[in-house]
Amino acid sequence: MEALCAKCAGAIKGLCHALNDADHAKLSAAATSIRLPARSAVFREGDQARAVFTLVDGAAKLLRAMPDGRQQIIGFRFPGDLIGYTSRDRYPFDAELVADATVCRLDRVKLEEMSRGCSSMSHRLLELCAEDLAAAQDQLGAMAHRSAEGRVATFLLMLYASARRNGATGRPLSLPMTRTDIGDYLGLTIESVSRVFASLRRAGLLEEPSRGSLVLTNLPALEALAEADGAAA
């Protein structure tokens, strides 16, 4: 686990961030590393919430069942993000991997016991919950009444900001989710997402050197597109 912890984004932005060496060692000793393939479930909606997970690498999408039987993507999670920490007895959504990933599994009871005896860990859990809530609110505000171009621009900037928080440069930027996933998350059709990506390429705002990655070549223009679209709304 020590080698894994040394390169884990959780130490940069996740649960392990700001813990002292002793508390970090206790957390690492209680954790189990699991390697899972793309499209597998970390957990399913309704499963008993017995564990909490940190993404070491890869990416996951969070899905919730709709009344008509469809599933709606309500968020994406990236390296360092905590998944499945809830006050409920059962998980309120699915967590499904969009790329091969390593997850760090912590028994929920053990985590809660450790947090009661560690003020820095307890504080960090509260911070992560607050950040998760703020991100959900930002998503609602960012996507409401925006055009397809504004939604995609905002989404790409969110990915870039997440990569930078994880210590990555964002060049190239990993894009493991499909156009269908992006459309589902943004409330757009796959045709609209593909059209906007093509338009941004022609305008010189991004490049796609290979499948699953892109380079944001004009951040100020993307930011202006997102801000102007939001102001117009």
Protein backbone atom coordinates (compact mmCIF):
# COMPACT_ATOMS: atom_id res chain seq x y z
CA MET A 1 0.00 0.00 0.00
CA GLU A 2 2.88 2.43 0.64
CA ALA A 3 3.89 2.56 -3.03
CA LEU A 4 0.27 3.06 -4.03
CA CYS A 5 -0.25 5.82 -1.46
CA ALA A 6 2.84 7.64 -2.64
CA LYS A 7 1.30 8.28 -6.08
CA CYS A 8 -2.36 8.53 -5.07
CA ALA A 9 -4.19 11.76 -5.83
CA GLY A 10 -6.00 11.28 -2.53
CA ALA A 11 -2.91 12.65 -0.82
CA ILE A 12 -3.19 15.81 -2.92
CA LYS A 13 -6.92 16.54 -2.79
CA GLY A 14 -8.66 13.60 -1.14
CA LEU A 15 -9.19 12.11 2.30
CA CYS A 16 -5.48 11.72 3.04
CA HIS A 17 -4.73 15.37 2.33
CA ALA A 18 -3.28 17.21 5.34
CA LEU A 19 -3.15 14.11 7.56
CA ASN A 20 0.00 13.67 9.63
CA ASP A 21 2.23 10.65 9.05
CA ALA A 22 0.77 8.61 11.92
CA ASP A 23 -2.86 9.12 10.85
CA HIS A 24 -1.96 8.52 7.22
CA ALA A 25 -0.30 5.22 8.20
CA LYS A 26 -3.42 4.11 10.11
CA LEU A 27 -5.65 4.95 7.16
CA SER A 28 -3.36 3.13 4.73
CA ALA A 29 -3.23 0.03 6.94
CA ALA A 30 -7.04 -0.15 7.00
CA ALA A 31 -7.40 0.26 3.22
CA THR A 32 -7.55 -2.34 0.47
CA SER A 33 -6.48 -1.64 -3.10
CA ILE A 34 -8.73 -3.09 -5.83
CA ARG A 35 -8.16 -2.98 -9.59
CA LEU A 36 -11.36 -2.95 -11.66
CA PRO A 37 -12.05 -2.87 -15.42
CA ALA A 38 -14.01 -0.18 -17.24
CA ARG A 39 -17.81 -0.46 -17.06
CA SER A 40 -17.71 -2.40 -13.80
CA ALA A 41 -19.58 -1.14 -10.75
CA VAL A 42 -17.86 0.08 -7.62
CA PHE A 43 -21.31 -0.24 -6.05
CA ARG A 44 -24.95 -0.10 -7.11
CA GLU A 45 -27.83 2.05 -5.94
CA GLY A 46 -29.53 0.28 -3.05
CA ASP A 47 -26.48 -1.75 -2.02
CA GLN A 48 -25.67 -1.57 1.68
CA ALA A 49 -23.24 1.30 2.23
CA ARG A 50 -20.56 -0.73 3.98
CA ALA A 51 -17.49 0.91 2.41
CA VAL A 52 -16.09 4.20 1.20
CA PHE A 53 -13.83 4.40 -1.85
CA THR A 54 -11.14 6.72 -3.15
CA LEU A 55 -10.29 6.70 -6.85
CA VAL A 56 -6.53 6.21 -7.18
CA ASP A 57 -6.63 6.44 -10.97
CA GLY A 58 -9.20 6.18 -13.76
CA ALA A 59 -12.65 7.78 -13.67
CA ALA A 60 -16.19 6.92 -12.60
CA LYS A 61 -19.68 8.16 -13.35
CA LEU A 62 -22.47 8.43 -10.79
CA LEU A 63 -25.92 7.36 -11.98
CA ARG A 64 -29.34 7.56 -10.39
CA ALA A 65 -32.47 5.67 -11.45
CA MET A 66 -35.28 7.86 -12.81
CA PRO A 67 -39.01 7.17 -12.28
CA ASP A 68 -39.38 6.07 -15.91
CA GLY A 69 -36.64 3.44 -15.51
CA ARG A 70 -33.86 5.38 -17.24
CA GLN A 71 -30.58 6.21 -15.54
CA GLN A 72 -29.31 9.78 -15.32
CA ILE A 73 -25.63 10.65 -14.92
CA ILE A 74 -25.44 13.03 -11.98
CA GLY A 75 -21.68 13.44 -11.82
CA PHE A 76 -18.20 12.22 -12.64
CA ARG A 77 -15.43 11.38 -10.23
CA PHE A 78 -11.68 11.52 -10.84
CA PRO A 79 -8.43 10.50 -9.10
CA GLY A 80 -8.43 11.57 -5.47
CA ASP A 81 -12.21 11.83 -5.23
CA LEU A 82 -14.09 10.09 -2.43
CA ILE A 83 -17.04 7.94 -3.52
CA GLY A 84 -19.81 6.40 -1.44
CA TYR A 85 -19.49 8.37 1.78
CA THR A 86 -23.10 8.76 2.91
CA SER A 87 -25.15 9.04 6.08
CA ARG A 88 -27.64 6.55 4.65
CA ASP A 89 -27.64 2.80 5.14
CA ARG A 90 -27.67 2.22 1.38
CA TYR A 91 -25.94 3.93 -1.52
CA PRO A 92 -28.23 6.50 -3.18
CA PHE A 93 -26.74 6.03 -6.67
CA ASP A 94 -24.60 3.75 -8.84
CA ALA A 95 -20.86 4.34 -9.17
CA GLU A 96 -19.68 2.83 -12.46
CA LEU A 97 -16.19 3.06 -13.94
CA VAL A 98 -15.74 4.71 -17.34
CA ALA A 99 -12.11 3.59 -17.54
CA ASP A 100 -9.94 0.90 -15.94
CA ALA A 101 -9.31 2.09 -12.40
CA THR A 102 -7.76 1.37 -9.05
CA VAL A 103 -9.91 2.12 -6.03
CA CYS A 104 -8.88 2.27 -2.41
CA ARG A 105 -11.59 0.63 -0.26
CA LEU A 106 -12.15 1.58 3.37
CA ASP A 107 -14.63 -0.12 5.64
CA ARG A 108 -17.19 2.52 6.63
CA VAL A 109 -17.32 1.50 10.30
CA LYS A 110 -13.51 1.60 10.57
CA LEU A 111 -13.38 4.99 8.87
CA GLU A 112 -15.97 6.43 11.24
CA GLU A 113 -14.13 4.99 14.24
CA MET A 114 -10.83 6.50 13.07
CA SER A 115 -12.42 9.87 12.32
CA ARG A 116 -13.86 10.09 15.85
CA GLY A 117 -10.34 9.76 17.23
CA CYS A 118 -8.72 12.05 14.69
CA SER A 119 -9.86 15.67 14.43
CA SER A 120 -7.96 16.30 11.19
CA MET A 121 -9.60 13.29 9.49
CA SER A 122 -13.03 14.31 10.77
CA HIS A 123 -12.47 17.84 9.52
CA ARG A 124 -11.33 16.56 6.14
CA LEU A 125 -14.46 14.42 5.76
CA LEU A 126 -16.60 17.48 6.46
CA GLU A 127 -14.61 19.47 3.90
CA LEU A 128 -15.10 16.80 1.25
CA CYS A 129 -18.86 16.65 1.91
CA ALA A 130 -19.07 20.43 1.63
CA GLU A 131 -17.05 20.39 -1.60
CA ASP A 132 -19.33 17.71 -3.04
CA LEU A 133 -22.41 19.78 -2.23
CA ALA A 134 -20.85 22.92 -3.70
CA ALA A 135 -19.95 21.02 -6.88
CA ALA A 136 -23.55 19.83 -7.26
CA GLN A 137 -24.81 23.39 -6.83
CA ASP A 138 -22.24 24.70 -9.31
CA GLN A 139 -23.38 22.11 -11.83
CA LEU A 140 -27.01 23.22 -11.57
CA GLY A 141 -26.05 26.86 -11.94
CA ALA A 142 -23.60 26.25 -14.74
CA MET A 143 -25.93 24.21 -16.92
CA ALA A 144 -29.23 26.03 -16.38
CA HIS A 145 -30.46 27.90 -19.48
CA ARG A 146 -27.12 27.54 -21.25
CA SER A 147 -26.66 26.76 -24.91
CA ALA A 148 -25.04 23.50 -26.00
CA GLU A 149 -21.79 25.37 -26.64
CA GLY A 150 -21.83 26.96 -23.19
CA ARG A 151 -22.54 23.65 -21.46
CA VAL A 152 -19.73 21.82 -23.24
CA ALA A 153 -17.29 24.69 -22.64
CA THR A 154 -18.17 24.73 -18.94
CA PHE A 155 -17.80 20.94 -18.74
CA LEU A 156 -14.34 21.01 -20.35
CA LEU A 157 -13.21 23.73 -17.97
CA MET A 158 -14.48 21.64 -15.04
CA LEU A 159 -12.39 18.69 -16.27
CA TYR A 160 -9.35 20.91 -16.64
CA ALA A 161 -9.77 22.34 -13.14
CA SER A 162 -10.12 18.83 -11.70
CA ALA A 163 -6.92 17.68 -13.43
CA ARG A 164 -5.02 20.68 -12.07
CA ARG A 165 -6.27 20.00 -8.53
CA ASN A 166 -4.91 16.47 -8.88
CA GLY A 167 -1.47 17.83 -9.71
CA ALA A 168 -1.69 17.14 -13.46
CA THR A 169 -0.91 19.75 -16.11
CA GLY A 170 -4.09 19.17 -18.08
CA ARG A 171 -2.08 18.85 -21.31
CA PRO A 172 -3.24 16.56 -22.70
CA LEU A 173 -6.50 16.33 -20.78
CA SER A 174 -7.91 12.86 -20.20
CA LEU A 175 -11.44 12.41 -21.58
CA PRO A 176 -12.38 8.82 -20.66
CA MET A 177 -16.14 9.23 -20.89
CA THR A 178 -18.06 8.81 -24.15
CA ARG A 179 -19.93 11.50 -26.06
CA THR A 180 -23.12 9.73 -24.91
CA ASP A 181 -22.04 10.05 -21.25
CA ILE A 182 -21.23 13.73 -21.71
CA GLY A 183 -24.59 14.36 -23.37
CA ASP A 184 -26.44 12.52 -20.62
CA TYR A 185 -24.69 14.57 -17.97
CA LEU A 186 -25.26 17.89 -19.77
CA GLY A 187 -28.79 17.19 -20.94
CA LEU A 188 -27.78 17.10 -24.62
CA THR A 189 -28.08 14.58 -27.44
CA ILE A 190 -24.95 12.82 -28.67
CA GLU A 191 -25.41 14.66 -31.98
CA SER A 192 -25.33 18.03 -30.19
CA VAL A 193 -22.20 17.08 -28.25
CA SER A 194 -20.43 15.90 -31.40
CA ARG A 195 -21.45 19.08 -33.25
CA VAL A 196 -20.08 21.31 -30.49
CA PHE A 197 -16.79 19.41 -30.32
CA ALA A 198 -16.39 19.76 -34.08
CA SER A 199 -17.18 23.48 -33.86
CA LEU A 200 -14.63 24.01 -31.08
CA ARG A 201 -12.00 22.16 -33.12
CA ARG A 202 -12.66 24.35 -36.17
CA ALA A 203 -12.46 27.47 -34.01
CA GLY A 204 -9.06 26.38 -32.67
CA LEU A 205 -10.23 26.01 -29.08
CA LEU A 206 -9.29 22.37 -28.73
CA GLU A 207 -7.46 19.49 -30.40
CA GLU A 208 -8.03 15.74 -30.06
CA PRO A 209 -4.63 14.11 -30.68
CA SER A 210 -5.90 10.63 -29.76
CA ARG A 211 -9.02 8.88 -28.59
CA GLY A 212 -9.74 9.62 -24.95
CA SER A 213 -7.61 12.74 -24.74
CA LEU A 214 -7.76 16.35 -25.84
CA VAL A 215 -5.80 19.57 -25.56
CA LEU A 216 -7.52 22.83 -24.66
CA THR A 217 -5.62 25.16 -26.93
CA ASN A 218 -7.36 28.42 -26.03
CA LEU A 219 -8.46 28.53 -22.40
CA PRO A 220 -9.36 32.25 -22.42
CA ALA A 221 -11.69 31.74 -25.37
CA LEU A 222 -13.35 28.75 -23.69
CA GLU A 223 -13.78 30.75 -20.48
CA ALA A 224 -15.25 33.66 -22.43
CA LEU A 225 -17.69 31.32 -24.17
CA ALA A 226 -18.83 29.84 -20.84
CA GLU A 227 -19.07 33.22 -19.10
CA ALA A 228 -20.83 34.98 -21.98
CA ASP A 229 -23.34 32.16 -22.27
CA GLY A 230 -24.01 32.30 -18.55
CA ALA A 231 -24.41 36.08 -18.59
CA ALA A 232 -26.87 35.82 -21.47
CA ALA A 233 -28.96 33.34 -19.44
